[in-house]
């Protein structure tokens, strides 16, 4: 059986949900290919999606600061 994929949005975030083999969903974003998480429900998908997006932003800011300080040295 082919896995189903859904596109969902809450007006702020767009997510793809794909049926996971072990149950629940694999959650990705068409706007950020590095955003990948898992969820059991649609509601959890948004919570996890927002958490993953926040973590990615923080990691990217930290990397930029590190690269800028290395370039200034």
N, C-alpha and C. Protein backbone atom coordinates (compact mmCIF):
# COMPACT_ATOMS: atom_id res chain seq x y z
N UNK A 1 0.83 -1.18 0.00
CA UNK A 1 0.00 0.00 0.00
C UNK A 1 0.88 1.25 0.00
N UNK A 2 0.53 2.20 -0.82
CA UNK A 2 1.29 3.43 -0.95
C UNK A 2 1.00 4.37 0.22
N UNK A 3 2.03 4.98 0.77
CA UNK A 3 1.86 5.92 1.88
C UNK A 3 1.12 7.16 1.39
N UNK A 4 0.21 7.64 2.21
CA UNK A 4 -0.53 8.85 1.87
C UNK A 4 0.24 10.07 2.35
N UNK A 5 0.08 11.17 1.63
CA UNK A 5 0.71 12.43 2.02
C UNK A 5 -0.36 13.51 2.02
N UNK A 6 -0.35 14.32 3.06
CA UNK A 6 -1.32 15.40 3.21
C UNK A 6 -0.58 16.72 3.28
N UNK A 7 -1.18 17.77 2.75
CA UNK A 7 -0.66 19.12 2.91
C UNK A 7 -1.63 19.84 3.85
N UNK A 8 -1.09 20.41 4.93
CA UNK A 8 -1.92 21.12 5.89
C UNK A 8 -1.31 22.49 6.16
N UNK A 9 -2.14 23.44 6.56
CA UNK A 9 -1.67 24.78 6.90
C UNK A 9 -2.56 25.37 7.98
N UNK A 10 -1.96 26.18 8.84
CA UNK A 10 -2.74 26.91 9.83
C UNK A 10 -2.74 28.40 9.51
N UNK A 11 -2.35 28.76 8.31
CA UNK A 11 -2.28 30.15 7.90
C UNK A 11 -0.92 30.78 8.12
N UNK A 12 -0.10 30.15 8.93
CA UNK A 12 1.25 30.64 9.20
C UNK A 12 2.31 29.65 8.73
N UNK A 13 2.00 28.39 8.83
CA UNK A 13 2.95 27.33 8.49
C UNK A 13 2.28 26.32 7.57
N UNK A 14 3.05 25.85 6.59
CA UNK A 14 2.58 24.81 5.69
C UNK A 14 3.40 23.57 5.97
N UNK A 15 2.72 22.45 6.16
CA UNK A 15 3.40 21.20 6.47
C UNK A 15 2.91 20.08 5.57
N UNK A 16 3.80 19.15 5.30
CA UNK A 16 3.43 17.90 4.64
C UNK A 16 3.43 16.82 5.72
N UNK A 17 2.39 16.02 5.74
CA UNK A 17 2.32 14.87 6.64
C UNK A 17 2.29 13.62 5.78
N UNK A 18 3.19 12.71 6.07
CA UNK A 18 3.25 11.44 5.36
C UNK A 18 3.08 10.33 6.38
N UNK A 19 2.24 9.36 6.07
CA UNK A 19 2.03 8.25 6.99
C UNK A 19 3.36 7.58 7.30
N UNK A 20 3.65 7.41 8.59
CA UNK A 20 4.86 6.73 9.02
C UNK A 20 4.57 5.24 9.14
N UNK A 21 5.54 4.41 8.84
CA UNK A 21 5.37 2.95 8.91
C UNK A 21 4.97 2.50 10.31
N UNK A 22 5.54 3.14 11.32
CA UNK A 22 5.29 2.74 12.70
C UNK A 22 4.06 3.43 13.29
N UNK A 23 3.33 4.18 12.49
CA UNK A 23 2.16 4.91 12.96
C UNK A 23 2.45 6.38 13.08
N UNK A 24 1.43 7.20 13.07
CA UNK A 24 1.62 8.63 13.13
C UNK A 24 2.08 9.17 11.79
N UNK A 25 2.79 10.28 11.84
CA UNK A 25 3.19 10.97 10.61
C UNK A 25 4.65 11.39 10.66
N UNK A 26 5.26 11.45 9.50
CA UNK A 26 6.54 12.13 9.31
C UNK A 26 6.15 13.52 8.81
N UNK A 27 6.66 14.55 9.47
CA UNK A 27 6.27 15.92 9.18
C UNK A 27 7.44 16.66 8.54
N UNK A 28 7.19 17.28 7.38
CA UNK A 28 8.20 18.09 6.70
C UNK A 28 7.55 19.39 6.25
N UNK A 29 8.37 20.30 5.77
CA UNK A 29 7.86 21.58 5.28
C UNK A 29 8.36 21.83 3.87
N UNK A 30 7.46 22.25 2.96
CA UNK A 30 7.91 22.57 1.61
C UNK A 30 8.74 23.86 1.58
N UNK A 31 8.63 24.67 2.63
CA UNK A 31 9.34 25.94 2.68
C UNK A 31 10.72 25.83 3.32
N UNK A 32 10.99 24.73 4.01
CA UNK A 32 12.28 24.52 4.65
C UNK A 32 12.61 23.03 4.61
N UNK A 33 13.41 22.61 3.64
CA UNK A 33 13.71 21.19 3.49
C UNK A 33 14.43 20.55 4.67
N UNK A 34 15.00 21.37 5.57
CA UNK A 34 15.69 20.82 6.74
C UNK A 34 14.73 20.54 7.89
N UNK A 35 13.49 20.99 7.79
CA UNK A 35 12.51 20.76 8.85
C UNK A 35 11.92 19.37 8.69
N UNK A 36 12.26 18.51 9.63
CA UNK A 36 11.74 17.14 9.64
C UNK A 36 11.47 16.76 11.10
N UNK A 37 10.27 16.28 11.36
CA UNK A 37 9.92 15.84 12.70
C UNK A 37 8.86 14.74 12.58
N UNK A 38 8.35 14.28 13.70
CA UNK A 38 7.30 13.26 13.69
C UNK A 38 6.17 13.70 14.60
N UNK A 39 4.99 13.14 14.39
CA UNK A 39 3.84 13.46 15.21
C UNK A 39 2.81 12.34 15.14
N UNK A 40 2.00 12.25 16.16
CA UNK A 40 0.91 11.27 16.19
C UNK A 40 -0.39 11.86 15.66
N UNK A 41 -0.58 13.19 15.81
CA UNK A 41 -1.82 13.84 15.39
C UNK A 41 -1.49 15.10 14.59
N UNK A 42 -2.50 15.68 13.96
CA UNK A 42 -2.31 16.93 13.21
C UNK A 42 -1.93 18.05 14.18
N UNK A 43 -2.58 18.11 15.33
CA UNK A 43 -2.26 19.14 16.32
C UNK A 43 -0.81 19.03 16.77
N UNK A 44 -0.37 17.82 17.04
CA UNK A 44 1.02 17.60 17.45
C UNK A 44 1.98 17.94 16.31
N UNK A 45 1.55 17.72 15.07
CA UNK A 45 2.39 18.06 13.92
C UNK A 45 2.70 19.55 13.90
N UNK A 46 1.69 20.39 14.17
CA UNK A 46 1.94 21.83 14.22
C UNK A 46 2.83 22.21 15.39
N UNK A 47 2.57 21.65 16.56
CA UNK A 47 3.43 21.95 17.72
C UNK A 47 4.87 21.57 17.42
N UNK A 48 5.07 20.35 16.92
CA UNK A 48 6.42 19.88 16.62
C UNK A 48 7.03 20.66 15.47
N UNK A 49 6.21 21.03 14.49
CA UNK A 49 6.71 21.84 13.37
C UNK A 49 7.21 23.19 13.82
N UNK A 50 6.43 23.85 14.69
CA UNK A 50 6.87 25.14 15.22
C UNK A 50 8.13 24.99 16.07
N UNK A 51 8.20 23.95 16.88
CA UNK A 51 9.40 23.71 17.69
C UNK A 51 10.62 23.45 16.81
N UNK A 52 10.44 22.65 15.78
CA UNK A 52 11.55 22.34 14.87
C UNK A 52 12.00 23.61 14.13
N UNK A 53 11.04 24.43 13.68
CA UNK A 53 11.39 25.67 12.98
C UNK A 53 12.16 26.61 13.90
N UNK A 54 11.73 26.71 15.16
CA UNK A 54 12.42 27.55 16.13
C UNK A 54 13.85 27.05 16.37
N UNK A 55 14.01 25.76 16.53
CA UNK A 55 15.35 25.18 16.73
C UNK A 55 16.25 25.42 15.53
N UNK A 56 15.69 25.29 14.33
CA UNK A 56 16.48 25.54 13.13
C UNK A 56 16.93 27.00 13.06
N UNK A 57 16.02 27.93 13.38
CA UNK A 57 16.38 29.35 13.36
C UNK A 57 17.50 29.64 14.36
N UNK A 58 17.38 29.08 15.57
CA UNK A 58 18.41 29.29 16.58
C UNK A 58 19.75 28.72 16.15
N UNK A 59 19.74 27.53 15.57
CA UNK A 59 20.98 26.90 15.10
C UNK A 59 21.61 27.72 13.98
N UNK A 60 20.78 28.23 13.09
CA UNK A 60 21.31 29.02 11.97
C UNK A 60 21.89 30.34 12.47
N UNK A 61 21.22 30.99 13.43
CA UNK A 61 21.76 32.23 13.99
C UNK A 61 23.11 31.98 14.66
N UNK A 62 23.19 30.89 15.41
CA UNK A 62 24.44 30.53 16.10
C UNK A 62 25.55 30.28 15.07
N UNK A 63 25.24 29.57 14.00
CA UNK A 63 26.23 29.30 12.96
C UNK A 63 26.68 30.58 12.28
N UNK A 64 25.74 31.48 12.00
CA UNK A 64 26.10 32.75 11.36
C UNK A 64 27.03 33.55 12.26
N UNK A 65 26.69 33.63 13.56
CA UNK A 65 27.56 34.36 14.51
C UNK A 65 28.96 33.73 14.54
N UNK A 66 29.01 32.42 14.55
CA UNK A 66 30.31 31.72 14.59
C UNK A 66 31.11 32.01 13.33
N UNK A 67 30.45 31.95 12.19
CA UNK A 67 31.14 32.23 10.92
C UNK A 67 31.58 33.68 10.84
N UNK A 68 30.75 34.61 11.32
CA UNK A 68 31.12 36.02 11.31
C UNK A 68 32.30 36.29 12.22
N UNK A 69 32.32 35.66 13.38
CA UNK A 69 33.45 35.89 14.30
C UNK A 69 34.73 35.23 13.76
N UNK A 70 34.60 34.13 13.07
CA UNK A 70 35.78 33.48 12.47
C UNK A 70 36.33 34.33 11.32
N UNK A 71 35.44 34.99 10.59
CA UNK A 71 35.87 35.85 9.48
C UNK A 71 36.50 37.13 9.96
N UNK A 72 36.11 37.59 11.15
CA UNK A 72 36.66 38.82 11.69
C UNK A 72 38.03 38.61 12.31
N UNK A 73 38.38 37.37 12.59
CA UNK A 73 39.65 37.08 13.26
C UNK A 73 40.82 37.15 12.32
